[in-house]
Amino acid sequence: MNQHVYDHDAPQRTRRARWVLWTTLVGLLIFFIWAAFARINQVAHAPGTVIASAKTQIIQAPDGGVLTKLLVKEGDTVKANELLAQLERERAQAAVDDTSSKVATLQISVARLEAEVYEKPLVFPDDMERYPALVQAQRELYNKRKAAIDGQLASLQKMAVLARQELALNEPLLAMGDVSQADVIRLRRQVADIEAQMTNARNKYFEDAQTQLLKVQEELNSQTEVLRDRSQLLEHTDLRAAIGGIVKNIRVTTLGGVLRPGDVLMELVPTGDDLVVEGKISPADIAFIKVGQAAHVKLDAYDYSIFGAMQGTVIYISPDTLTEDTKNGPLSFYRVHVRISGNEYKGKTNEQVEIRPGMTAQIDIRLRDRTVLSYLTKPITKMLNQSLGDR
């Protein structure tokens, strides 16, 4: 006789199994629905280095010279127009002083000659008061020449007055026959000669002054050019920073060292302009990167969890891949430039930090949004596509 044993727990286990199954199915359904709509950001990561947007400035000795002062060292940050070094300037200064004196002498002479030619009061330029001896010498020469011509004209004027008086006395006598016509003609000629002498003296005075003025002005123009050139040579003995930046690669550090014309003394990396982070993007990511795209820059020198990331913009993508040799073999990449504004940054801590060329960084560029489901099924779909293509 068969005995049947009834399991009182079987229905309960069945219900529990069904509950677990349905819960799992519902959970999977909810997950797949969420995965089909939930989106995640796909980001390209690239190592980078901070570079200056402006080119490195070369500090040269245009005319050469002997280094007498070196006022900076490598790594110093300098401002625009700051003095970096000095070359020997005694000879250049002496040449400028000598030519300046010549130019001043000529300018004072021009003022004196213009007063003579244009018959105007003698007035010297205000800046010529630095040369009182030269001014006094030209003033005395002006007075001497003016006194000479005035004296000569005054003497001739007296002679002309006497000649006219004598002529006036003899002309009535001619009508009475007391003097001959020849005597009257002689007296008239004498008056005309004296008046001609006065005119000639006056003309010669002005002509001499004008001729001398033209000559002095020509010499002044020539010496002014010489002064400009020598002043430029003197200015070139002061080597200054054209822009704000960081000093690097000082070529000559020995005082007394000789620099030939055009020799480079040092280089200056600009810091005042916007900085650029140069990165290397994998060819697999380049299709979704465009100029103008936003990027995040994380500087290795500052902990990202503390200072956060800087905002940047993609401003350049190389037209083709570049290749460099690494320890793992050749590496192909696209070069990209991301511009970051300014050379200082306040991170999460609101603490101002300095950004300098040469710092390493990581560039994160958002490529596109993808659903979680497409991300999870990518290996499967890729494998299926490959297998369907096989013969």
Protein backbone atom coordinates (compact mmCIF):
# COMPACT_ATOMS: atom_id res chain seq x y z
CA MET A 1 0.00 0.00 0.00
CA ASN A 2 1.54 3.30 -1.14
CA GLN A 3 1.88 6.01 1.37
CA HIS A 4 1.72 9.61 0.26
CA VAL A 5 3.52 12.20 2.33
CA TYR A 6 2.05 15.66 1.99
CA ASP A 7 4.57 18.53 2.06
CA HIS A 8 2.84 21.38 3.78
CA ASP A 9 5.72 23.88 2.90
CA ALA A 10 5.62 23.28 -0.88
CA PRO A 11 2.94 25.88 -1.68
CA GLN A 12 4.79 28.44 0.40
CA ARG A 13 8.07 27.78 -1.40
CA THR A 14 6.32 27.98 -4.74
CA ARG A 15 4.81 31.33 -3.88
CA ARG A 16 8.19 32.59 -2.66
CA ALA A 17 9.89 31.45 -5.86
CA ARG A 18 7.23 33.13 -7.96
CA TRP A 19 7.59 36.31 -5.93
CA VAL A 20 11.37 36.31 -6.38
CA LEU A 21 10.98 35.61 -10.11
CA TRP A 22 8.44 38.36 -10.65
CA THR A 23 10.45 40.78 -8.53
CA THR A 24 13.55 40.01 -10.57
CA LEU A 25 11.67 40.38 -13.85
CA VAL A 26 10.10 43.66 -12.76
CA GLY A 27 13.50 44.90 -11.53
CA LEU A 28 15.12 43.97 -14.82
CA LEU A 29 12.30 45.61 -16.74
CA ILE A 30 12.65 48.79 -14.71
CA PHE A 31 16.44 48.70 -15.16
CA PHE A 32 16.20 48.26 -18.94
CA ILE A 33 13.59 51.00 -19.20
CA TRP A 34 15.87 53.28 -17.16
CA ALA A 35 18.93 52.23 -19.16
CA ALA A 36 17.10 52.95 -22.41
CA PHE A 37 16.40 56.54 -21.40
CA ALA A 38 19.16 57.45 -18.94
CA ARG A 39 22.09 59.17 -20.64
CA ILE A 40 25.73 59.42 -19.68
CA ASN A 41 28.44 61.73 -21.00
CA GLN A 42 31.19 60.26 -23.10
CA VAL A 43 34.41 62.16 -22.38
CA ALA A 44 37.77 62.13 -24.17
CA HIS A 45 40.81 62.44 -21.93
CA ALA A 46 44.09 63.86 -23.16
CA PRO A 47 47.39 64.67 -21.45
CA GLY A 48 48.46 68.26 -21.98
CA THR A 49 50.99 70.96 -21.22
CA VAL A 50 50.41 74.65 -20.54
CA ILE A 51 51.99 76.91 -23.16
CA ALA A 52 51.81 80.66 -23.75
CA SER A 53 49.44 81.86 -26.46
CA ALA A 54 52.04 84.43 -27.53
CA LYS A 55 55.43 83.35 -28.82
CA THR A 56 58.47 83.33 -26.58
CA GLN A 57 60.19 86.72 -26.69
CA ILE A 58 63.88 86.84 -27.56
CA ILE A 59 65.97 89.40 -25.67
CA GLN A 60 68.85 90.42 -27.94
CA ALA A 61 71.70 92.92 -27.93
CA PRO A 62 70.93 94.75 -31.21
CA ASP A 63 74.29 96.50 -31.41
CA GLY A 64 76.37 94.26 -29.18
CA GLY A 65 78.47 95.42 -26.26
CA VAL A 66 79.97 94.42 -22.92
CA LEU A 67 77.60 93.06 -20.26
CA THR A 68 77.93 95.23 -17.14
CA LYS A 69 74.73 94.39 -15.21
CA LEU A 70 72.48 91.32 -15.11
CA LEU A 71 69.43 92.14 -13.01
CA VAL A 72 67.41 88.90 -13.30
CA LYS A 73 67.88 85.17 -13.00
CA GLU A 74 66.13 82.25 -14.64
CA GLY A 75 62.61 81.74 -13.35
CA ASP A 76 62.08 85.38 -12.37
CA THR A 77 58.75 86.94 -13.30
CA VAL A 78 59.17 90.40 -14.80
CA LYS A 79 56.81 93.16 -15.87
CA ALA A 80 56.64 94.87 -19.24
CA ASN A 81 59.45 97.45 -19.73
CA GLU A 82 61.34 96.16 -16.69
CA LEU A 83 65.12 96.50 -16.97
CA LEU A 84 66.71 93.07 -17.41
CA ALA A 85 70.36 93.85 -18.12
CA GLN A 86 72.70 96.68 -19.05
CA LEU A 87 75.57 96.88 -21.49
CA GLU A 88 78.55 99.22 -21.23
CA ARG A 89 77.23 102.72 -21.99
CA GLU A 90 80.07 105.19 -21.31
CA ARG A 91 81.17 105.49 -24.94
CA ALA A 92 77.61 105.65 -26.22
CA GLN A 93 76.76 108.31 -23.64
CA ALA A 94 79.84 110.36 -24.56
CA ALA A 95 78.89 110.19 -28.25
CA VAL A 96 75.34 111.32 -27.46
CA ASP A 97 76.58 114.19 -25.30
CA ASP A 98 79.00 115.35 -28.01
CA THR A 99 76.37 115.25 -30.75
CA SER A 100 73.78 116.89 -28.48
CA SER A 101 76.16 119.80 -27.98
CA LYS A 102 76.64 120.13 -31.75
CA VAL A 103 72.89 120.04 -32.36
CA ALA A 104 72.32 122.68 -29.67
CA THR A 105 74.99 124.94 -31.20
CA LEU A 106 73.37 124.63 -34.62
CA GLN A 107 69.86 125.24 -33.24
CA ILE A 108 71.05 128.40 -31.51
CA SER A 109 72.75 129.52 -34.73
CA VAL A 110 69.53 128.91 -36.65
CA ALA A 111 67.60 131.06 -34.18
CA ARG A 112 70.13 133.89 -34.62
CA LEU A 113 70.20 133.65 -38.42
CA GLU A 114 66.40 133.52 -38.69
CA ALA A 115 66.22 136.71 -36.61
CA GLU A 116 68.63 138.35 -39.08
CA VAL A 117 66.93 137.08 -42.25
CA TYR A 118 63.36 137.76 -41.20
CA GLU A 119 64.14 140.89 -39.18
CA LYS A 120 62.44 139.62 -36.07
CA PRO A 121 63.44 139.77 -32.39
CA LEU A 122 66.13 137.32 -31.34
CA VAL A 123 64.45 134.55 -29.31
CA PHE A 124 66.15 131.24 -28.47
CA PRO A 125 64.28 127.96 -27.86
CA ASP A 126 63.43 127.39 -24.20
CA ASP A 127 65.42 124.17 -23.95
CA MET A 128 68.56 126.02 -25.07
CA GLU A 129 68.84 127.65 -21.67
CA ARG A 130 70.90 124.60 -20.73
CA TYR A 131 73.69 126.06 -22.85
CA PRO A 132 74.08 129.63 -21.55
CA ALA A 133 77.58 130.08 -23.02
CA LEU A 134 76.41 129.13 -26.51
CA VAL A 135 73.36 131.37 -26.22
CA GLN A 136 75.47 134.30 -25.05
CA ALA A 137 77.99 133.83 -27.87
CA GLN A 138 75.27 133.87 -30.53
CA ARG A 139 73.54 136.84 -28.92
CA GLU A 140 76.81 138.80 -28.98
CA LEU A 141 77.40 137.80 -32.61
CA TYR A 142 73.88 138.93 -33.50
CA ASN A 143 74.37 142.28 -31.78
CA LYS A 144 77.80 142.74 -33.40
CA ARG A 145 76.54 142.01 -36.92
CA LYS A 146 73.45 144.15 -36.43
CA ALA A 147 75.53 147.02 -35.06
CA ALA A 148 77.89 146.72 -38.03
CA ILE A 149 75.15 146.87 -40.66
CA ASP A 150 73.29 149.59 -38.78
CA GLY A 151 76.52 151.63 -38.55
CA GLN A 152 77.29 151.14 -42.21
CA LEU A 153 73.78 152.15 -43.24
CA ALA A 154 73.83 155.15 -40.91
CA SER A 155 77.11 156.37 -42.43
CA LEU A 156 75.79 155.96 -45.94
CA GLN A 157 72.57 157.68 -44.93
CA LYS A 158 74.55 160.73 -43.74
CA MET A 159 76.48 160.77 -47.00
CA ALA A 160 73.21 160.56 -48.91
CA VAL A 161 71.75 163.49 -46.96
CA LEU A 162 74.78 165.67 -47.71
CA ALA A 163 74.74 164.65 -51.36
CA ARG A 164 71.06 165.50 -51.68
CA GLN A 165 71.61 168.87 -49.97
CA GLU A 166 74.47 169.68 -52.34
CA LEU A 167 72.33 168.67 -55.30
CA ALA A 168 69.45 170.80 -54.04
CA LEU A 169 71.76 173.84 -53.82
CA ASN A 170 73.20 173.38 -57.32
CA GLU A 171 70.03 172.65 -59.26
CA PRO A 172 68.73 176.34 -59.01
CA LEU A 173 72.19 177.58 -60.02
CA LEU A 174 71.99 175.53 -63.20
CA ALA A 175 69.01 177.61 -64.39
CA MET A 176 70.95 180.83 -63.74
CA GLY A 177 74.02 179.46 -65.53
CA ASP A 178 76.24 179.60 -62.42
CA VAL A 179 77.03 175.85 -62.60
CA SER A 180 77.36 173.55 -65.52
CA GLN A 181 74.95 170.77 -66.32
CA ALA A 182 77.81 168.30 -65.95
CA ASP A 183 78.23 169.29 -62.30
CA VAL A 184 74.54 168.68 -61.62
CA ILE A 185 74.66 165.32 -63.36
CA ARG A 186 77.71 164.38 -61.29
CA LEU A 187 75.89 165.29 -58.07
CA ARG A 188 72.83 163.32 -59.11
CA ARG A 189 75.05 160.33 -59.90
CA GLN A 190 76.68 160.68 -56.49
CA VAL A 191 73.28 160.56 -54.74
CA ALA A 192 72.26 157.51 -56.77
CA ASP A 193 75.57 155.76 -55.99
CA ILE A 194 75.17 156.32 -52.26
CA GLU A 195 71.59 155.01 -52.33
CA ALA A 196 72.79 151.98 -54.32
CA GLN A 197 75.50 151.35 -51.72
CA MET A 198 72.84 151.39 -48.99
CA THR A 199 70.68 148.92 -50.92
CA ASN A 200 73.66 146.68 -51.69
CA ALA A 201 74.83 146.70 -48.08
CA ARG A 202 71.38 145.77 -46.85
CA ASN A 203 70.98 143.05 -49.50
CA LYS A 204 74.43 141.61 -48.81
CA TYR A 205 73.64 141.44 -45.11
CA PHE A 206 70.44 139.47 -45.75
CA GLU A 207 71.97 137.31 -48.49
CA ASP A 208 74.93 136.35 -46.33
CA ALA A 209 72.61 135.52 -43.44
CA GLN A 210 70.30 133.48 -45.68
CA THR A 211 73.17 131.55 -47.26
CA GLN A 212 74.58 130.79 -43.86
CA LEU A 213 71.12 129.82 -42.59
CA LEU A 214 70.66 127.26 -45.36
CA LYS A 215 74.09 125.81 -44.67
CA VAL A 216 73.50 125.61 -40.92
CA GLN A 217 70.04 124.06 -41.38
CA GLU A 218 71.52 121.39 -43.64
CA GLU A 219 74.19 120.64 -41.05
CA LEU A 220 71.54 120.63 -38.32
CA ASN A 221 69.47 118.04 -40.20
CA SER A 222 72.55 115.87 -40.63
CA GLN A 223 73.57 116.10 -36.98
CA THR A 224 69.99 115.46 -35.85
CA GLU A 225 70.08 112.16 -37.73
CA VAL A 226 73.42 111.33 -36.12
CA LEU A 227 71.98 112.17 -32.70
CA ARG A 228 68.97 109.95 -33.34
CA ASP A 229 71.21 107.03 -34.29
CA ARG A 230 73.53 107.52 -31.33
CA SER A 231 70.60 107.93 -28.94
CA GLN A 232 69.22 104.65 -30.23
CA LEU A 233 72.58 103.01 -29.59
CA LEU A 234 72.46 104.36 -26.05
CA GLU A 235 68.91 103.07 -25.55
CA HIS A 236 70.02 99.65 -26.77
CA THR A 237 72.45 99.39 -23.87
CA ASP A 238 69.37 98.96 -21.63
CA LEU A 239 67.80 95.58 -22.36
CA ARG A 240 64.17 95.68 -21.22
CA ALA A 241 61.24 93.27 -21.24
CA ALA A 242 58.88 94.05 -24.10
CA ILE A 243 56.09 92.17 -22.28
CA GLY A 244 55.48 90.64 -18.87
CA GLY A 245 56.80 87.11 -18.62
CA ILE A 246 59.12 84.56 -17.04
CA VAL A 247 62.87 84.64 -17.67
CA LYS A 248 64.46 81.50 -19.03
CA ASN A 249 67.55 80.29 -20.86
CA ILE A 250 70.01 83.06 -19.96
CA ARG A 251 72.91 82.59 -22.38
CA VAL A 252 75.52 84.91 -20.81
CA THR A 253 75.84 85.30 -17.04
CA THR A 254 79.42 86.58 -16.74
CA LEU A 255 79.76 90.32 -16.21
CA GLY A 256 82.22 91.66 -18.74
CA GLY A 257 81.13 89.11 -21.31
CA VAL A 258 81.05 90.40 -24.87
CA LEU A 259 77.86 90.20 -26.92
CA ARG A 260 78.06 90.56 -30.67
CA PRO A 261 75.35 92.48 -32.54
CA GLY A 262 72.19 90.38 -32.58
CA ASP A 263 73.36 87.90 -29.93
CA VAL A 264 70.56 86.45 -27.76
CA LEU A 265 71.00 87.14 -24.05
CA MET A 266 67.88 85.39 -22.71
CA GLU A 267 64.32 84.36 -23.51
CA LEU A 268 61.05 85.55 -22.01
CA VAL A 269 57.95 83.34 -21.78
CA PRO A 270 54.85 85.59 -21.85
CA THR A 271 52.47 85.36 -18.88
CA GLY A 272 50.14 88.31 -19.35
CA ASP A 273 48.18 86.84 -22.25
CA ASP A 274 45.70 83.98 -22.19
CA LEU A 275 47.38 80.62 -21.75
CA VAL A 276 46.86 77.57 -23.92
CA VAL A 277 46.92 73.91 -22.95
CA GLU A 278 48.30 71.75 -25.73
CA GLY A 279 46.97 68.19 -25.65
CA LYS A 280 47.18 64.92 -27.56
CA ILE A 281 43.83 63.43 -28.58
CA SER A 282 43.44 59.82 -29.69
CA PRO A 283 42.33 59.41 -33.33
CA ALA A 284 39.42 57.30 -32.01
CA ASP A 285 37.97 60.37 -30.26
CA ILE A 286 38.69 63.10 -32.80
CA ALA A 287 35.46 62.66 -34.82
CA PHE A 288 33.36 64.29 -32.09
CA ILE A 289 35.73 67.17 -31.24
CA LYS A 290 35.18 70.54 -32.90
CA VAL A 291 36.74 73.99 -32.61
CA GLY A 292 34.73 76.04 -30.12
CA GLN A 293 33.85 73.02 -28.01
CA ALA A 294 33.98 73.38 -24.22
CA ALA A 295 36.65 71.57 -22.26
CA HIS A 296 37.74 71.09 -18.66
CA VAL A 297 41.39 71.40 -17.68
CA LYS A 298 42.75 69.76 -14.54
CA LEU A 299 46.23 70.93 -13.59
CA ASP A 300 48.47 68.24 -12.15
CA ALA A 301 50.12 70.80 -9.86
CA TYR A 302 46.81 71.47 -8.06
CA ASP A 303 44.71 68.64 -6.62
CA TYR A 304 41.49 68.44 -8.61
CA SER A 305 39.46 67.44 -5.55
CA ILE A 306 40.54 70.68 -3.85
CA PHE A 307 40.96 73.21 -6.63
CA GLY A 308 38.55 71.82 -9.22
CA ALA A 309 38.91 72.18 -12.98
CA MET A 310 39.33 75.20 -15.21
CA GLN A 311 36.94 76.00 -18.03
CA GLY A 312 38.45 76.18 -21.50
CA THR A 313 37.59 76.26 -25.19
CA VAL A 314 39.04 74.23 -28.04
CA ILE A 315 40.66 76.72 -30.43
CA TYR A 316 42.77 74.49 -32.67
CA ILE A 317 42.82 70.92 -34.00
CA SER A 318 45.72 69.73 -36.12
CA PRO A 319 44.64 68.90 -39.69
CA ASP A 320 46.30 65.48 -39.58
CA THR A 321 47.68 62.99 -37.09
CA LEU A 322 51.14 63.38 -35.67
CA THR A 323 53.39 60.54 -34.55
CA GLU A 324 55.96 60.36 -31.80
CA ASP A 325 58.09 57.50 -30.53
CA THR A 326 57.34 56.27 -27.01
CA LYS A 327 58.62 53.37 -24.94
CA ASN A 328 55.53 51.44 -26.06
CA GLY A 329 56.18 52.17 -29.72
CA PRO A 330 54.92 54.85 -32.12
CA LEU A 331 51.96 56.87 -30.84
CA SER A 332 49.59 58.64 -33.24
CA PHE A 333 47.55 61.58 -32.02
CA TYR A 334 45.87 64.83 -33.02
CA ARG A 335 47.24 68.01 -31.45
CA VAL A 336 44.58 70.24 -29.89
CA HIS A 337 44.84 73.62 -28.20
CA VAL A 338 42.49 74.60 -25.39
CA ARG A 339 42.51 78.26 -24.38
CA ILE A 340 42.14 79.21 -20.73
CA SER A 341 41.69 82.87 -19.81
CA GLY A 342 44.38 84.65 -17.82
CA ASN A 343 47.29 83.21 -15.87
CA GLU A 344 45.64 83.08 -12.46
CA TYR A 345 42.77 80.93 -11.21
CA LYS A 346 40.63 80.67 -8.11
CA GLY A 347 39.55 77.10 -7.44
CA LYS A 348 36.98 75.64 -5.08
CA THR A 349 38.87 77.08 -2.13
CA ASN A 350 38.71 80.59 -3.65
CA GLU A 351 42.49 80.61 -3.27
CA GLN A 352 44.24 82.35 -6.14
CA VAL A 353 46.81 80.10 -7.78
CA GLU A 354 49.27 80.91 -10.52
CA ILE A 355 49.38 79.07 -13.82
CA ARG A 356 52.72 78.98 -15.57
CA PRO A 357 53.84 77.67 -18.96
CA GLY A 358 55.25 74.16 -18.70
CA MET A 359 52.71 72.87 -16.16
CA THR A 360 51.20 69.49 -17.05
CA ALA A 361 47.46 68.94 -17.13
CA GLN A 362 44.65 66.65 -18.18
CA ILE A 363 42.11 67.84 -20.73
CA ASP A 364 38.58 66.46 -20.58
CA ILE A 365 36.41 67.11 -23.64
CA ARG A 366 32.78 66.04 -23.68
CA LEU A 367 32.14 64.09 -26.88
CA ARG A 368 28.46 63.08 -26.90
CA ASP A 369 25.66 61.69 -24.76
CA ARG A 370 24.86 57.97 -24.86
CA THR A 371 22.20 55.88 -23.18
CA VAL A 372 23.31 53.47 -20.50
CA LEU A 373 21.76 50.63 -22.51
CA SER A 374 23.78 51.41 -25.64
CA TYR A 375 26.92 51.62 -23.52
CA LEU A 376 26.25 48.22 -21.90
CA THR A 377 25.29 46.49 -25.13
CA LYS A 378 28.14 47.97 -27.18
CA PRO A 379 30.40 44.87 -26.83
CA ILE A 380 27.51 42.60 -27.87
CA THR A 381 26.46 44.68 -30.87
CA LYS A 382 30.07 45.07 -31.94
CA MET A 383 30.61 41.30 -31.76
CA LEU A 384 27.39 40.64 -33.67
CA ASN A 385 28.32 43.11 -36.40
CA GLN A 386 31.70 41.47 -36.79
CA SER A 387 30.28 37.93 -36.79
CA LEU A 388 27.58 38.79 -39.32
CA GLY A 389 30.25 40.11 -41.62
CA ASP A 390 32.25 36.85 -41.56
CA ARG A 391 31.78 34.33 -44.36
